[in-house]
Every structure is written in structure tokens, then in C-alpha cells.
């Protein structure tokens, strides 16, 4: 993971923790290509793949994301701090019943 991607991932963790959301690192031994993080808050559970700005998931990651979505999972690919802020806001709004 490059520094830019790491910066986005760490920003996600920091912002999630500020709102008292869980954001553990997601690993699945024996399964490559899984998203970086699980974000849990306000009754929502979703997977987050962080990338450096402008980068896209690798083909294996795309396949895993597609598989997760086919099974009903909410998976987000985030490559900017602004997208992190939007996601956190979305979860906070669910708490207030806005969405």
C-alpha cells in the first residue's frame, strides 16, 4: 500500500472513530482481494476499499467487490478524503433518520 492510499485509509479510521463507529482492518486468510476495512455504525455494516486518489481496484479486487455485492453487501471504493467525509455523513444521517 502506497503512502497516498495509506493516508486515505488512516483518515477513514480517524473519522470513523471520531463518530464512535467501528472500522477494523478486514483480512480473510486464504482469500485475496478483499476490501481494506469494515465500517460499522448506526445499524449499518459496509466494506470499504481505499485507494490512492484516482486509482481503481485491481481486477481481483473488482471481482471480489462484485461477488460481495451479488450477495447483498454494501461495498464502497473510496479514493479521497472528501468521499470519506460523505460516507461518514451518510452514516450520521441514518442515525438521525434523515435518509
PDB file of N, CA and C in Angstrom:
ATOM      1  N   UNK A   1       0.853  -1.174   0.000  1.00  0.00           N
ATOM      2  CA  UNK A   1       0.000   0.000   0.000  1.00  0.00           C
ATOM      3  C   UNK A   1       0.894   1.231   0.000  1.00  0.00           C
ATOM      4  N   UNK A   2       0.623   2.133  -0.918  1.00  0.00           N
ATOM      5  CA  UNK A   2       1.404   3.357  -1.008  1.00  0.00           C
ATOM      6  C   UNK A   2       1.004   4.371   0.049  1.00  0.00           C
ATOM      7  N   UNK A   3       1.813   5.410   0.161  1.00  0.00           N
ATOM      8  CA  UNK A   3       1.553   6.439   1.179  1.00  0.00           C
ATOM      9  C   UNK A   3       0.232   7.146   0.955  1.00  0.00           C
ATOM     10  N   UNK A   4      -0.118   7.441  -0.288  1.00  0.00           N
ATOM     11  CA  UNK A   4      -1.374   8.147  -0.561  1.00  0.00           C
ATOM     12  C   UNK A   4      -2.567   7.283  -0.162  1.00  0.00           C
ATOM     13  N   UNK A   5      -2.532   6.004  -0.507  1.00  0.00           N
ATOM     14  CA  UNK A   5      -3.623   5.100  -0.113  1.00  0.00           C
ATOM     15  C   UNK A   5      -3.673   4.960   1.398  1.00  0.00           C
ATOM     16  N   UNK A   6      -2.522   4.821   2.020  1.00  0.00           N
ATOM     17  CA  UNK A   6      -2.462   4.703   3.466  1.00  0.00           C
ATOM     18  C   UNK A   6      -3.049   5.946   4.132  1.00  0.00           C
ATOM     19  N   UNK A   7      -2.790   7.106   3.555  1.00  0.00           N
ATOM     20  CA  UNK A   7      -3.325   8.355   4.091  1.00  0.00           C
ATOM     21  C   UNK A   7      -4.853   8.362   4.065  1.00  0.00           C
ATOM     22  N   UNK A   8      -5.445   7.892   2.985  1.00  0.00           N
ATOM     23  CA  UNK A   8      -6.908   7.823   2.871  1.00  0.00           C
ATOM     24  C   UNK A   8      -7.456   6.818   3.882  1.00  0.00           C
ATOM     25  N   UNK A   9      -6.814   5.666   3.987  1.00  0.00           N
ATOM     26  CA  UNK A   9      -7.279   4.643   4.928  1.00  0.00           C
ATOM     27  C   UNK A   9      -7.198   5.139   6.363  1.00  0.00           C
ATOM     28  N   UNK A  10      -6.101   5.768   6.720  1.00  0.00           N
ATOM     29  CA  UNK A  10      -5.965   6.281   8.085  1.00  0.00           C
ATOM     30  C   UNK A  10      -6.962   7.400   8.369  1.00  0.00           C
ATOM     31  N   UNK A  11      -7.250   8.223   7.375  1.00  0.00           N
ATOM     32  CA  UNK A  11      -8.251   9.271   7.528  1.00  0.00           C
ATOM     33  C   UNK A  11      -9.624   8.634   7.774  1.00  0.00           C
ATOM     34  N   UNK A  12      -9.948   7.574   7.053  1.00  0.00           N
ATOM     35  CA  UNK A  12     -11.200   6.857   7.268  1.00  0.00           C
ATOM     36  C   UNK A  12     -11.290   6.361   8.707  1.00  0.00           C
ATOM     37  N   UNK A  13     -10.250   5.733   9.187  1.00  0.00           N
ATOM     38  CA  UNK A  13     -10.234   5.195  10.552  1.00  0.00           C
ATOM     39  C   UNK A  13     -10.415   6.321  11.562  1.00  0.00           C
ATOM     40  N   UNK A  14      -9.690   7.409  11.390  1.00  0.00           N
ATOM     41  CA  UNK A  14      -9.767   8.540  12.321  1.00  0.00           C
ATOM     42  C   UNK A  14     -11.162   9.142  12.349  1.00  0.00           C
ATOM     43  N   UNK A  15     -11.736   9.378  11.168  1.00  0.00           N
ATOM     44  CA  UNK A  15     -13.067   9.990  11.102  1.00  0.00           C
ATOM     45  C   UNK A  15     -14.132   9.048  11.664  1.00  0.00           C
ATOM     46  N   UNK A  16     -13.996   7.755  11.395  1.00  0.00           N
ATOM     47  CA  UNK A  16     -14.940   6.783  11.942  1.00  0.00           C
ATOM     48  C   UNK A  16     -14.870   6.768  13.466  1.00  0.00           C
ATOM     49  N   UNK A  17     -13.673   6.750  13.999  1.00  0.00           N
ATOM     50  CA  UNK A  17     -13.502   6.726  15.457  1.00  0.00           C
ATOM     51  C   UNK A  17     -14.063   7.980  16.108  1.00  0.00           C
ATOM     52  N   UNK A  18     -13.931   9.134  15.455  1.00  0.00           N
ATOM     53  CA  UNK A  18     -14.490  10.384  15.990  1.00  0.00           C
ATOM     54  C   UNK A  18     -15.995  10.281  16.187  1.00  0.00           C
ATOM     55  N   UNK A  19     -16.651   9.500  15.333  1.00  0.00           N
ATOM     56  CA  UNK A  19     -18.107   9.346  15.391  1.00  0.00           C
ATOM     57  C   UNK A  19     -18.517   8.079  16.143  1.00  0.00           C
ATOM     58  N   UNK A  20     -17.548   7.439  16.771  1.00  0.00           N
ATOM     59  CA  UNK A  20     -17.781   6.223  17.546  1.00  0.00           C
ATOM     60  C   UNK A  20     -18.254   5.055  16.679  1.00  0.00           C
ATOM     61  N   UNK A  21     -17.801   5.018  15.423  1.00  0.00           N
ATOM     62  CA  UNK A  21     -18.060   3.890  14.545  1.00  0.00           C
ATOM     63  C   UNK A  21     -16.871   2.937  14.629  1.00  0.00           C
ATOM     64  N   UNK A  22     -17.125   1.680  14.409  1.00  0.00           N
ATOM     65  CA  UNK A  22     -16.048   0.698  14.340  1.00  0.00           C
ATOM     66  C   UNK A  22     -15.506   0.677  12.918  1.00  0.00           C
ATOM     67  N   UNK A  23     -14.193   0.502  12.791  1.00  0.00           N
ATOM     68  CA  UNK A  23     -13.585   0.456  11.462  1.00  0.00           C
ATOM     69  C   UNK A  23     -12.369  -0.472  11.476  1.00  0.00           C
ATOM     70  N   UNK A  24     -12.611  -1.758  11.793  1.00  0.00           N
ATOM     71  CA  UNK A  24     -11.471  -2.676  11.859  1.00  0.00           C
ATOM     72  C   UNK A  24     -10.915  -3.006  10.481  1.00  0.00           C
ATOM     73  N   UNK A  25      -9.643  -3.353  10.475  1.00  0.00           N
ATOM     74  CA  UNK A  25      -8.984  -3.862   9.269  1.00  0.00           C
ATOM     75  C   UNK A  25      -9.627  -5.202   8.939  1.00  0.00           C
ATOM     76  N   UNK A  26      -9.924  -5.417   7.676  1.00  0.00           N
ATOM     77  CA  UNK A  26     -10.548  -6.659   7.244  1.00  0.00           C
ATOM     78  C   UNK A  26      -9.503  -7.520   6.561  1.00  0.00           C
ATOM     79  N   UNK A  27      -9.301  -8.705   7.091  1.00  0.00           N
ATOM     80  CA  UNK A  27      -8.436  -9.693   6.450  1.00  0.00           C
ATOM     81  C   UNK A  27      -9.203 -11.004   6.386  1.00  0.00           C
ATOM     82  N   UNK A  28      -8.943 -11.746   5.367  1.00  0.00           N
ATOM     83  CA  UNK A  28      -9.592 -13.038   5.194  1.00  0.00           C
ATOM     84  C   UNK A  28      -8.519 -14.016   4.725  1.00  0.00           C
ATOM     85  N   UNK A  29      -7.878 -14.693   5.661  1.00  0.00           N
ATOM     86  CA  UNK A  29      -6.798 -15.607   5.286  1.00  0.00           C
ATOM     87  C   UNK A  29      -7.244 -16.586   4.197  1.00  0.00           C
ATOM     88  N   UNK A  30      -6.433 -16.686   3.172  1.00  0.00           N
ATOM     89  CA  UNK A  30      -6.722 -17.583   2.067  1.00  0.00           C
ATOM     90  C   UNK A  30      -7.581 -16.955   0.973  1.00  0.00           C
ATOM     91  N   UNK A  31      -8.034 -15.722   1.199  1.00  0.00           N
ATOM     92  CA  UNK A  31      -8.852 -15.033   0.199  1.00  0.00           C
ATOM     93  C   UNK A  31      -8.217 -13.687  -0.105  1.00  0.00           C
ATOM     94  N   UNK A  32      -7.624 -13.556  -1.264  1.00  0.00           N
ATOM     95  CA  UNK A  32      -7.007 -12.299  -1.666  1.00  0.00           C
ATOM     96  C   UNK A  32      -8.063 -11.375  -2.276  1.00  0.00           C
ATOM     97  N   UNK A  33      -7.791 -10.089  -2.247  1.00  0.00           N
ATOM     98  CA  UNK A  33      -8.634  -9.113  -2.921  1.00  0.00           C
ATOM     99  C   UNK A  33      -9.782  -8.567  -2.120  1.00  0.00           C
ATOM    100  N   UNK A  34      -9.871  -8.922  -0.820  1.00  0.00           N
ATOM    101  CA  UNK A  34     -10.975  -8.410  -0.012  1.00  0.00           C
ATOM    102  C   UNK A  34     -10.766  -6.926   0.296  1.00  0.00           C
ATOM    103  N   UNK A  35     -11.858  -6.178   0.568  1.00  0.00           N
ATOM    104  CA  UNK A  35     -11.721  -4.759   0.899  1.00  0.00           C
ATOM    105  C   UNK A  35     -10.858  -4.547   2.147  1.00  0.00           C
ATOM    106  N   UNK A  36     -10.345  -3.311   2.278  1.00  0.00           N
ATOM    107  CA  UNK A  36      -9.418  -2.987   3.367  1.00  0.00           C
ATOM    108  C   UNK A  36     -10.069  -2.945   4.743  1.00  0.00           C
ATOM    109  N   UNK A  37     -11.291  -2.408   4.808  1.00  0.00           N
ATOM    110  CA  UNK A  37     -11.914  -2.124   6.102  1.00  0.00           C
ATOM    111  C   UNK A  37     -13.376  -2.541   6.124  1.00  0.00           C
ATOM    112  N   UNK A  38     -13.871  -2.811   7.320  1.00  0.00           N
ATOM    113  CA  UNK A  38     -15.299  -2.961   7.572  1.00  0.00           C
ATOM    114  C   UNK A  38     -15.695  -1.746   8.402  1.00  0.00           C
ATOM    115  N   UNK A  39     -16.744  -1.067   8.010  1.00  0.00           N
ATOM    116  CA  UNK A  39     -17.221   0.112   8.733  1.00  0.00           C
ATOM    117  C   UNK A  39     -18.575  -0.237   9.327  1.00  0.00           C
ATOM    118  N   UNK A  40     -18.680  -0.098  10.651  1.00  0.00           N
ATOM    119  CA  UNK A  40     -19.897  -0.472  11.370  1.00  0.00           C
ATOM    120  C   UNK A  40     -20.357   0.719  12.191  1.00  0.00           C
ATOM    121  N   UNK A  41     -21.572   1.174  11.926  1.00  0.00           N
ATOM    122  CA  UNK A  41     -22.123   2.284  12.696  1.00  0.00           C
ATOM    123  C   UNK A  41     -23.571   2.533  12.363  1.00  0.00           C
ATOM    124  N   UNK A  42     -24.347   2.875  13.390  1.00  0.00           N
ATOM    125  CA  UNK A  42     -25.761   3.219  13.227  1.00  0.00           C
ATOM    126  C   UNK A  42     -26.553   2.135  12.509  1.00  0.00           C
ATOM    127  N   UNK A  43     -26.271   0.892  12.834  1.00  0.00           N
ATOM    128  CA  UNK A  43     -27.013  -0.211  12.246  1.00  0.00           C
ATOM    129  C   UNK A  43     -26.568  -0.594  10.848  1.00  0.00           C
ATOM    130  N   UNK A  44     -25.530   0.049  10.347  1.00  0.00           N
ATOM    131  CA  UNK A  44     -25.020  -0.244   9.005  1.00  0.00           C
ATOM    132  C   UNK A  44     -23.703  -0.998   9.099  1.00  0.00           C
ATOM    133  N   UNK A  45     -23.526  -1.927   8.204  1.00  0.00           N
ATOM    134  CA  UNK A  45     -22.253  -2.630   8.072  1.00  0.00           C
ATOM    135  C   UNK A  45     -21.887  -2.579   6.598  1.00  0.00           C
ATOM    136  N   UNK A  46     -20.716  -2.042   6.305  1.00  0.00           N
ATOM    137  CA  UNK A  46     -20.283  -1.989   4.917  1.00  0.00           C
ATOM    138  C   UNK A  46     -18.788  -2.193   4.831  1.00  0.00           C
ATOM    139  N   UNK A  47     -18.372  -2.573   3.645  1.00  0.00           N
ATOM    140  CA  UNK A  47     -16.960  -2.810   3.364  1.00  0.00           C
ATOM    141  C   UNK A  47     -16.420  -1.612   2.601  1.00  0.00           C
ATOM    142  N   UNK A  48     -15.174  -1.244   2.897  1.00  0.00           N
ATOM    143  CA  UNK A  48     -14.559  -0.097   2.235  1.00  0.00           C
ATOM    144  C   UNK A  48     -13.200  -0.503   1.680  1.00  0.00           C
ATOM    145  N   UNK A  49     -13.033  -0.289   0.388  1.00  0.00           N
ATOM    146  CA  UNK A  49     -11.737  -0.456  -0.272  1.00  0.00           C
ATOM    147  C   UNK A  49     -11.172   0.946  -0.469  1.00  0.00           C
ATOM    148  N   UNK A  50     -10.037   1.223   0.134  1.00  0.00           N
ATOM    149  CA  UNK A  50      -9.410   2.529  -0.038  1.00  0.00           C
ATOM    150  C   UNK A  50      -8.353   2.460  -1.119  1.00  0.00           C
ATOM    151  N   UNK A  51      -8.266   3.527  -1.877  1.00  0.00           N
ATOM    152  CA  UNK A  51      -7.289   3.632  -2.959  1.00  0.00           C
ATOM    153  C   UNK A  51      -6.644   5.011  -2.895  1.00  0.00           C
ATOM    154  N   UNK A  52      -5.515   5.143  -3.537  1.00  0.00           N
ATOM    155  CA  UNK A  52      -4.887   6.458  -3.707  1.00  0.00           C
ATOM    156  C   UNK A  52      -5.767   7.262  -4.663  1.00  0.00           C
ATOM    157  N   UNK A  53      -5.753   8.586  -4.544  1.00  0.00           N
ATOM    158  CA  UNK A  53      -6.588   9.406  -5.428  1.00  0.00           C
ATOM    159  C   UNK A  53      -6.398   9.032  -6.902  1.00  0.00           C
ATOM    160  N   UNK A  54      -7.534   8.800  -7.576  1.00  0.00           N
ATOM    161  CA  UNK A  54      -7.521   8.483  -8.996  1.00  0.00           C
ATOM    162  C   UNK A  54      -7.268   7.030  -9.342  1.00  0.00           C
ATOM    163  N   UNK A  55      -6.937   6.220  -8.356  1.00  0.00           N
ATOM    164  CA  UNK A  55      -6.666   4.803  -8.632  1.00  0.00           C
ATOM    165  C   UNK A  55      -7.940   3.975  -8.528  1.00  0.00           C
ATOM    166  N   UNK A  56      -7.961   2.859  -9.227  1.00  0.00           N
ATOM    167  CA  UNK A  56      -9.088   1.933  -9.222  1.00  0.00           C
ATOM    168  C   UNK A  56      -8.649   0.607  -8.611  1.00  0.00           C
ATOM    169  N   UNK A  57      -9.606  -0.186  -8.152  1.00  0.00           N
ATOM    170  CA  UNK A  57      -9.255  -1.514  -7.641  1.00  0.00           C
ATOM    171  C   UNK A  57      -8.627  -2.374  -8.734  1.00  0.00           C
ATOM    172  N   UNK A  58      -7.732  -3.265  -8.315  1.00  0.00           N
ATOM    173  CA  UNK A  58      -7.137  -4.240  -9.220  1.00  0.00           C
ATOM    174  C   UNK A  58      -8.215  -5.220  -9.690  1.00  0.00           C
ATOM    175  N   UNK A  59      -7.991  -5.925 -10.786  1.00  0.00           N
ATOM    176  CA  UNK A  59      -9.008  -6.870 -11.289  1.00  0.00           C
ATOM    177  C   UNK A  59      -9.499  -7.867 -10.234  1.00  0.00           C
ATOM    178  N   UNK A  60      -8.604  -8.430  -9.440  1.00  0.00           N
ATOM    179  CA  UNK A  60      -9.035  -9.371  -8.401  1.00  0.00           C
ATOM    180  C   UNK A  60      -9.932  -8.667  -7.383  1.00  0.00           C
ATOM    181  N   UNK A  61      -9.562  -7.437  -6.995  1.00  0.00           N
ATOM    182  CA  UNK A  61     -10.391  -6.683  -6.057  1.00  0.00           C
ATOM    183  C   UNK A  61     -11.768  -6.399  -6.665  1.00  0.00           C
ATOM    184  N   UNK A  62     -11.804  -6.044  -7.954  1.00  0.00           N
ATOM    185  CA  UNK A  62     -13.080  -5.802  -8.635  1.00  0.00           C
ATOM    186  C   UNK A  62     -13.947  -7.060  -8.597  1.00  0.00           C
ATOM    187  N   UNK A  63     -13.342  -8.206  -8.813  1.00  0.00           N
ATOM    188  CA  UNK A  63     -14.090  -9.467  -8.804  1.00  0.00           C
ATOM    189  C   UNK A  63     -14.662  -9.749  -7.417  1.00  0.00           C
ATOM    190  N   UNK A  64     -13.875  -9.509  -6.383  1.00  0.00           N
ATOM    191  CA  UNK A  64     -14.346  -9.743  -5.011  1.00  0.00           C
ATOM    192  C   UNK A  64     -15.454  -8.747  -4.666  1.00  0.00           C
ATOM    193  N   UNK A  65     -15.274  -7.485  -5.038  1.00  0.00           N
ATOM    194  CA  UNK A  65     -16.307  -6.470  -4.788  1.00  0.00           C
ATOM    195  C   UNK A  65     -17.610  -6.871  -5.477  1.00  0.00           C
ATOM    196  N   UNK A  66     -17.513  -7.301  -6.719  1.00  0.00           N
ATOM    197  CA  UNK A  66     -18.690  -7.730  -7.472  1.00  0.00           C
ATOM    198  C   UNK A  66     -19.376  -8.918  -6.776  1.00  0.00           C
ATOM    199  N   UNK A  67     -18.577  -9.883  -6.317  1.00  0.00           N
ATOM    200  CA  UNK A  67     -19.114 -11.048  -5.623  1.00  0.00           C
ATOM    201  C   UNK A  67     -19.825 -10.640  -4.330  1.00  0.00           C
ATOM    202  N   UNK A  68     -19.188  -9.773  -3.548  1.00  0.00           N
ATOM    203  CA  UNK A  68     -19.801  -9.298  -2.308  1.00  0.00           C
ATOM    204  C   UNK A  68     -21.134  -8.615  -2.599  1.00  0.00           C
ATOM    205  N   UNK A  69     -21.147  -7.758  -3.619  1.00  0.00           N
ATOM    206  CA  UNK A  69     -22.376  -7.037  -3.967  1.00  0.00           C
ATOM    207  C   UNK A  69     -23.464  -7.994  -4.454  1.00  0.00           C
ATOM    208  N   UNK A  70     -23.079  -9.033  -5.178  1.00  0.00           N
ATOM    209  CA  UNK A  70     -24.054 -10.026  -5.647  1.00  0.00           C
ATOM    210  C   UNK A  70     -24.727 -10.735  -4.477  1.00  0.00           C
ATOM    211  N   UNK A  71     -24.033 -10.747  -3.346  1.00  0.00           N
ATOM    212  CA  UNK A  71     -24.578 -11.388  -2.148  1.00  0.00           C
ATOM    213  C   UNK A  71     -25.182 -10.367  -1.181  1.00  0.00           C
ATOM    214  N   UNK A  72     -25.414  -9.159  -1.673  1.00  0.00           N
ATOM    215  CA  UNK A  72     -26.136  -8.151  -0.900  1.00  0.00           C
ATOM    216  C   UNK A  72     -25.298  -7.237  -0.022  1.00  0.00           C
ATOM    217  N   UNK A  73     -23.989  -7.337  -0.110  1.00  0.00           N
ATOM    218  CA  UNK A  73     -23.128  -6.483   0.720  1.00  0.00           C
ATOM    219  C   UNK A  73     -23.030  -5.078   0.134  1.00  0.00           C
ATOM    220  N   UNK A  74     -22.882  -4.119   1.010  1.00  0.00           N
ATOM    221  CA  UNK A  74     -22.618  -2.733   0.628  1.00  0.00           C
ATOM    222  C   UNK A  74     -21.097  -2.571   0.616  1.00  0.00           C
ATOM    223  N   UNK A  75     -20.538  -2.305  -0.551  1.00  0.00           N
ATOM    224  CA  UNK A  75     -19.092  -2.149  -0.697  1.00  0.00           C
ATOM    225  C   UNK A  75     -18.826  -0.800  -1.353  1.00  0.00           C
ATOM    226  N   UNK A  76     -17.950  -0.008  -0.761  1.00  0.00           N
ATOM    227  CA  UNK A  76     -17.602   1.298  -1.303  1.00  0.00           C
ATOM    228  C   UNK A  76     -16.118   1.332  -1.635  1.00  0.00           C
ATOM    229  N   UNK A  77     -15.791   1.997  -2.726  1.00  0.00           N
ATOM    230  CA  UNK A  77     -14.402   2.263  -3.096  1.00  0.00           C
ATOM    231  C   UNK A  77     -14.201   3.752  -2.906  1.00  0.00           C
ATOM    232  N   UNK A  78     -13.241   4.097  -2.066  1.00  0.00           N
ATOM    233  CA  UNK A  78     -13.022   5.493  -1.690  1.00  0.00           C
ATOM    234  C   UNK A  78     -11.577   5.866  -1.992  1.00  0.00           C
ATOM    235  N   UNK A  79     -11.403   6.998  -2.705  1.00  0.00           N
ATOM    236  CA  UNK A  79     -10.039   7.422  -3.034  1.00  0.00           C
ATOM    237  C   UNK A  79      -9.756   8.887  -2.672  1.00  0.00           C
ATOM    238  N   UNK A  80     -10.670   9.522  -1.912  1.00  0.00           N
ATOM    239  CA  UNK A  80     -10.412  10.891  -1.458  1.00  0.00           C
ATOM    240  C   UNK A  80     -10.925  11.070  -0.028  1.00  0.00           C
ATOM    241  N   UNK A  81     -10.368  12.036   0.646  1.00  0.00           N
ATOM    242  CA  UNK A  81     -10.855  12.356   1.989  1.00  0.00           C
ATOM    243  C   UNK A  81     -12.277  12.898   1.927  1.00  0.00           C
ATOM    244  N   UNK A  82     -12.616  13.595   0.858  1.00  0.00           N
ATOM    245  CA  UNK A  82     -13.978  14.082   0.681  1.00  0.00           C
ATOM    246  C   UNK A  82     -14.991  12.947   0.624  1.00  0.00           C
ATOM    247  N   UNK A  83     -14.626  11.850  -0.031  1.00  0.00           N
ATOM    248  CA  UNK A  83     -15.513  10.684  -0.081  1.00  0.00           C
ATOM    249  C   UNK A  83     -15.657  10.056   1.302  1.00  0.00           C
ATOM    250  N   UNK A  84     -14.578  10.073   2.074  1.00  0.00           N
ATOM    251  CA  UNK A  84     -14.662   9.590   3.458  1.00  0.00           C
ATOM    252  C   UNK A  84     -15.667  10.450   4.218  1.00  0.00           C
ATOM    253  N   UNK A  85     -15.531  11.764   4.102  1.00  0.00           N
ATOM    254  CA  UNK A  85     -16.440  12.676   4.804  1.00  0.00           C
ATOM    255  C   UNK A  85     -17.888  12.431   4.399  1.00  0.00           C
ATOM    256  N   UNK A  86     -18.139  12.212   3.098  1.00  0.00           N
ATOM    257  CA  UNK A  86     -19.500  11.948   2.611  1.00  0.00           C
ATOM    258  C   UNK A  86     -20.055  10.652   3.208  1.00  0.00           C
ATOM    259  N   UNK A  87     -19.218   9.624   3.286  1.00  0.00           N
ATOM    260  CA  UNK A  87     -19.657   8.348   3.835  1.00  0.00           C
ATOM    261  C   UNK A  87     -19.996   8.484   5.316  1.00  0.00           C
ATOM    262  N   UNK A  88     -19.147   9.159   6.064  1.00  0.00           N
ATOM    263  CA  UNK A  88     -19.406   9.362   7.491  1.00  0.00           C
ATOM    264  C   UNK A  88     -20.691  10.160   7.679  1.00  0.00           C
ATOM    265  N   UNK A  89     -20.880  11.191   6.870  1.00  0.00           N
ATOM    266  CA  UNK A  89     -22.102  11.990   6.935  1.00  0.00           C
ATOM    267  C   UNK A  89     -23.326  11.128   6.644  1.00  0.00           C
ATOM    268  N   UNK A  90     -23.225  10.264   5.649  1.00  0.00           N
ATOM    269  CA  UNK A  90     -24.329   9.359   5.315  1.00  0.00           C
ATOM    270  C   UNK A  90     -24.712   8.498   6.522  1.00  0.00           C
ATOM    271  N   UNK A  91     -23.709   7.957   7.203  1.00  0.00           N
ATOM    272  CA  UNK A  91     -23.994   7.122   8.369  1.00  0.00           C
ATOM    273  C   UNK A  91     -24.568   7.942   9.518  1.00  0.00           C
ATOM    274  N   UNK A  92     -24.085   9.155   9.698  1.00  0.00           N
ATOM    275  CA  UNK A  92     -24.618  10.021  10.749  1.00  0.00           C
ATOM    276  C   UNK A  92     -26.076  10.386  10.448  1.00  0.00           C
ATOM    277  N   UNK A  93     -26.393  10.631   9.175  1.00  0.00           N
ATOM    278  CA  UNK A  93     -27.763  10.975   8.798  1.00  0.00           C
ATOM    279  C   UNK A  93     -28.702   9.800   9.031  1.00  0.00           C
ATOM    280  N   UNK A  94     -28.219   8.593   8.834  1.00  0.00           N
ATOM    281  CA  UNK A  94     -29.053   7.413   9.112  1.00  0.00           C
ATOM    282  C   UNK A  94     -29.392   7.366  10.602  1.00  0.00           C
ATOM    283  N   UNK A  95     -28.453   7.788  11.430  1.00  0.00           N
ATOM    284  CA  UNK A  95     -28.683   7.806  12.869  1.00  0.00           C
ATOM    285  C   UNK A  95     -29.801   8.804  13.207  1.00  0.00           C
ATOM    286  N   UNK A  96     -29.810   9.928  12.507  1.00  0.00           N
ATOM    287  CA  UNK A  96     -30.818  10.957  12.776  1.00  0.00           C
ATOM    288  C   UNK A  96     -32.113  10.676  12.024  1.00  0.00           C
ATOM    289  N   UNK A  97     -32.113   9.630  11.181  1.00  0.00           N
ATOM    290  CA  UNK A  97     -33.299   9.287  10.432  1.00  0.00           C
ATOM    291  C   UNK A  97     -33.543  10.184   9.225  1.00  0.00           C
ATOM    292  N   UNK A  98     -32.488  10.815   8.719  1.00  0.00           N
ATOM    293  CA  UNK A  98     -32.620  11.728   7.580  1.00  0.00           C
ATOM    294  C   UNK A  98     -32.808  10.964   6.293  1.00  0.00           C
ATOM    295  N   UNK A  99     -32.097   9.830   6.132  1.00  0.00           N
ATOM    296  CA  UNK A  99     -32.194   9.085   4.863  1.00  0.00           C
ATOM    297  C   UNK A  99     -33.204   7.976   4.952  1.00  0.00           C
TER     298      UNK A  99
END
